[in-house]
Each structure stands twice: as structure tokens, then as C-alpha cells.
């Protein structure tokens, strides 16, 4: 009986510690669309990728996912309301180091630079400030995106590479 009293707290602590460890997340492209909150639309683009959806000087990704929410609006300029949007570009995870180096090398430019967004076991994901709400970072614009960012964080890992990012 004494052994059980000692083992139970030890087992319980091990379960808590193992649940706190961040493991790599395995998510498909479809999973990114499946977790979108209500009101958001999602488009997976794997063919005929537009250069307008790829950060400046970046290689062509294997896929692009575009999110928009036509049910929300924020003011970007006087008399100009737009819907929140996010475009994220997916690269094979084996290109991670090259992409990290690339992101660091592009920080001297001022617009549409690549930034790290997250990763899964299979994908390294980047975006650009100009692909997040068309470059608007007002409090109103940011609040329109909170639910989407939180949902996406649930299926990817965000690591600290000492990079600028969202």
C-alpha cells in the first residue's frame, strides 16, 4: 500500500510534465482550413501560384492558404473599409534553415518582407506584413484577426528563432 501511495504522485507528476512538453504538430493543409473560426473563408492554392501572394524575393512555395472574413470590416483609410485577411505560404520543412537565413537577409527591406509564421512536422510557414490585413496593423484591424491567429496556433508550433514576426 505504501508503494502505491508513493507511485501515484510520481506517475501523476510525470503525466503533467509530459503534457507540458511542446511536441511537433502534424497538420495537413486541409487542417488549416478546418480550424478556421466561423465567418472565415479559406482557399488552398497549390497550382498557378500568384507572385503577389509570395513575399519579396522568396522561392515559390508548395502551397498558399488565403483566409478572408467578409463578415468583418475595419477602416484602413478614411472612407475605405476592408475585410480582414491573411495569406500564408507553405514550404517543405527540410527548407527550414535556408528559409530562416533568407528571412534574416531580407530585414533591410521595408515592405513585403518575409516573416516567420509557424511550422508543423511537414511545413515551414511564412507570411509578410503586407499579407496580414493588407498591411494594416491598427488595433481595430488586429482585433479582427485574433480568433484566426489563435485557431491556427492550435495546429502549428511557433518557435523562437529571434526573428521579427507576427
Protein backbone atom coordinates (compact mmCIF):
# COMPACT_ATOMS: atom_id res chain seq x y z
CA UNK A 1 0.00 0.00 0.00
CA UNK A 2 2.86 2.37 0.82
CA UNK A 3 4.37 1.70 -2.62
CA UNK A 4 1.12 2.72 -4.31
CA UNK A 5 0.98 5.91 -2.24
CA UNK A 6 4.47 6.81 -3.43
CA UNK A 7 3.99 5.72 -7.06
CA UNK A 8 0.69 7.53 -7.69
CA UNK A 9 2.09 11.06 -7.11
CA UNK A 10 5.18 10.20 -9.18
CA UNK A 11 3.06 8.92 -12.07
CA UNK A 12 0.80 11.96 -11.81
CA UNK A 13 3.79 14.33 -11.94
CA UNK A 14 5.24 12.51 -14.96
CA UNK A 15 1.90 12.85 -16.75
CA UNK A 16 1.81 16.58 -16.05
CA UNK A 17 5.40 17.11 -17.20
CA UNK A 18 4.91 15.11 -20.41
CA UNK A 19 1.72 17.00 -21.26
CA UNK A 20 3.55 20.33 -20.92
CA UNK A 21 6.25 19.44 -23.44
CA UNK A 22 5.75 21.06 -26.81
CA UNK A 23 5.88 18.45 -29.50
CA UNK A 24 5.93 19.00 -33.21
CA UNK A 25 2.45 19.21 -34.65
CA UNK A 26 1.37 17.26 -37.69
CA UNK A 27 -1.24 19.14 -39.70
CA UNK A 28 -2.30 18.88 -43.32
CA UNK A 29 -3.13 21.86 -45.50
CA UNK A 30 -6.78 20.94 -45.12
CA UNK A 31 -6.43 21.06 -41.33
CA UNK A 32 -5.53 24.74 -41.60
CA UNK A 33 -8.86 25.38 -43.29
CA UNK A 34 -10.75 23.04 -40.97
CA UNK A 35 -9.79 25.02 -37.84
CA UNK A 36 -10.86 28.39 -39.22
CA UNK A 37 -13.34 30.14 -36.94
CA UNK A 38 -16.90 30.84 -38.02
CA UNK A 39 -17.17 33.54 -40.67
CA UNK A 40 -13.73 32.93 -42.15
CA UNK A 41 -13.26 31.63 -45.69
CA UNK A 42 -10.24 29.57 -46.67
CA UNK A 43 -8.69 28.86 -50.05
CA UNK A 44 -5.84 26.42 -50.61
CA UNK A 45 -3.81 27.24 -53.72
CA UNK A 46 -1.40 24.57 -54.95
CA UNK A 47 -1.29 25.35 -58.67
CA UNK A 48 -0.89 28.58 -60.62
CA UNK A 49 0.52 30.42 -57.62
CA UNK A 50 0.47 34.20 -57.90
CA UNK A 51 3.70 36.08 -57.22
CA UNK A 52 1.50 38.66 -55.46
CA UNK A 53 0.96 36.09 -52.69
CA UNK A 54 4.66 35.36 -52.11
CA UNK A 55 6.93 37.61 -50.03
CA UNK A 56 9.53 39.65 -51.84
CA UNK A 57 12.43 37.55 -53.21
CA UNK A 58 11.07 34.29 -51.77
CA UNK A 59 11.13 30.98 -53.59
CA UNK A 60 7.88 29.54 -54.87
CA UNK A 61 6.11 27.69 -52.03
CA UNK A 62 4.43 24.31 -52.39
CA UNK A 63 1.11 25.84 -51.35
CA UNK A 64 -0.53 29.08 -50.28
CA UNK A 65 -3.51 29.39 -47.99
CA UNK A 66 -5.61 32.53 -48.14
CA UNK A 67 -8.04 33.45 -45.37
CA UNK A 68 -10.64 36.20 -45.57
CA UNK A 69 -13.58 37.17 -43.41
CA UNK A 70 -16.21 39.02 -45.48
CA UNK A 71 -18.41 39.38 -42.37
CA UNK A 72 -16.00 41.81 -40.67
CA UNK A 73 -14.59 45.15 -41.73
CA UNK A 74 -12.10 47.67 -40.45
CA UNK A 75 -11.11 51.11 -41.64
CA UNK A 76 -7.79 51.18 -43.44
CA UNK A 77 -8.02 54.69 -44.88
CA UNK A 78 -10.72 57.30 -44.42
CA UNK A 79 -13.78 56.17 -46.35
CA UNK A 80 -12.16 52.79 -47.04
CA UNK A 81 -13.30 49.67 -45.24
CA UNK A 82 -11.75 46.30 -45.95
CA UNK A 83 -12.27 42.78 -44.66
CA UNK A 84 -9.56 41.07 -42.60
CA UNK A 85 -7.30 38.70 -44.48
CA UNK A 86 -4.22 36.54 -44.08
CA UNK A 87 -2.06 34.81 -46.67
CA UNK A 88 0.42 32.17 -45.51
CA UNK A 89 2.96 30.33 -47.65
CA UNK A 90 3.95 26.71 -47.05
CA UNK A 91 7.39 25.26 -47.71
CA UNK A 92 8.75 21.77 -47.05
CA UNK A 93 10.15 21.61 -43.50
CA UNK A 94 13.51 20.46 -44.88
CA UNK A 95 13.96 24.01 -46.25
CA UNK A 96 13.66 25.50 -42.76
CA UNK A 97 17.31 26.55 -42.33
CA UNK A 98 17.51 28.10 -45.80
CA UNK A 99 14.27 29.99 -45.12
CA UNK A 100 15.49 31.19 -41.71
CA UNK A 101 18.63 32.53 -43.38
CA UNK A 102 16.53 34.09 -46.12
CA UNK A 103 14.20 35.81 -43.63
CA UNK A 104 17.22 37.27 -41.79
CA UNK A 105 18.73 38.51 -45.05
CA UNK A 106 15.59 40.38 -46.09
CA UNK A 107 15.07 42.51 -42.98
CA UNK A 108 16.83 45.51 -44.54
CA UNK A 109 13.92 45.97 -46.94
CA UNK A 110 10.87 47.86 -45.83
CA UNK A 111 7.84 46.21 -47.38
CA UNK A 112 6.54 42.74 -48.18
CA UNK A 113 9.48 41.13 -46.44
CA UNK A 114 9.12 37.51 -45.37
CA UNK A 115 8.37 36.80 -41.73
CA UNK A 116 8.14 33.53 -39.85
CA UNK A 117 4.58 32.46 -39.04
CA UNK A 118 4.93 28.91 -37.69
CA UNK A 119 5.69 25.31 -38.56
CA UNK A 120 4.45 21.75 -38.42
CA UNK A 121 6.25 18.44 -38.84
CA UNK A 122 5.88 18.84 -42.61
CA UNK A 123 5.76 22.59 -43.30
CA UNK A 124 7.66 25.77 -42.58
CA UNK A 125 5.21 28.66 -42.88
CA UNK A 126 5.97 32.26 -43.74
CA UNK A 127 3.92 35.33 -44.46
CA UNK A 128 4.62 39.03 -44.87
CA UNK A 129 3.34 42.14 -43.11
CA UNK A 130 1.64 43.11 -46.36
CA UNK A 131 -0.25 39.76 -46.33
CA UNK A 132 -1.81 40.40 -42.92
CA UNK A 133 -4.83 42.68 -43.31
CA UNK A 134 -3.22 44.26 -46.37
CA UNK A 135 -0.52 45.70 -44.13
CA UNK A 136 -2.84 47.41 -41.66
CA UNK A 137 -1.81 46.93 -38.04
CA UNK A 138 -4.25 49.21 -36.28
CA UNK A 139 -5.88 47.99 -33.08
CA UNK A 140 -9.15 47.59 -34.98
CA UNK A 141 -7.51 45.54 -37.77
CA UNK A 142 -5.61 43.35 -35.31
CA UNK A 143 -8.74 42.63 -33.29
CA UNK A 144 -10.44 41.33 -36.45
CA UNK A 145 -7.73 38.64 -36.72
CA UNK A 146 -7.36 37.42 -33.14
CA UNK A 147 -9.66 34.42 -33.45
CA UNK A 148 -7.97 33.21 -36.65
CA UNK A 149 -4.45 33.53 -35.24
CA UNK A 150 -5.49 31.67 -32.08
CA UNK A 151 -7.10 28.85 -34.08
CA UNK A 152 -4.01 28.44 -36.26
CA UNK A 153 -1.69 28.39 -33.24
CA UNK A 154 -3.53 25.27 -32.14
CA UNK A 155 -2.31 23.21 -35.09
CA UNK A 156 1.21 24.54 -35.55
CA UNK A 157 4.26 25.17 -33.44
CA UNK A 158 5.73 28.64 -33.09
CA UNK A 159 9.40 28.60 -32.16
CA UNK A 160 11.62 31.48 -31.13
CA UNK A 161 14.31 31.93 -33.77
CA UNK A 162 14.98 35.55 -32.75
CA UNK A 163 13.30 36.72 -35.93
CA UNK A 164 10.87 39.52 -36.45
CA UNK A 165 7.44 38.07 -36.93
CA UNK A 166 3.83 38.42 -36.16
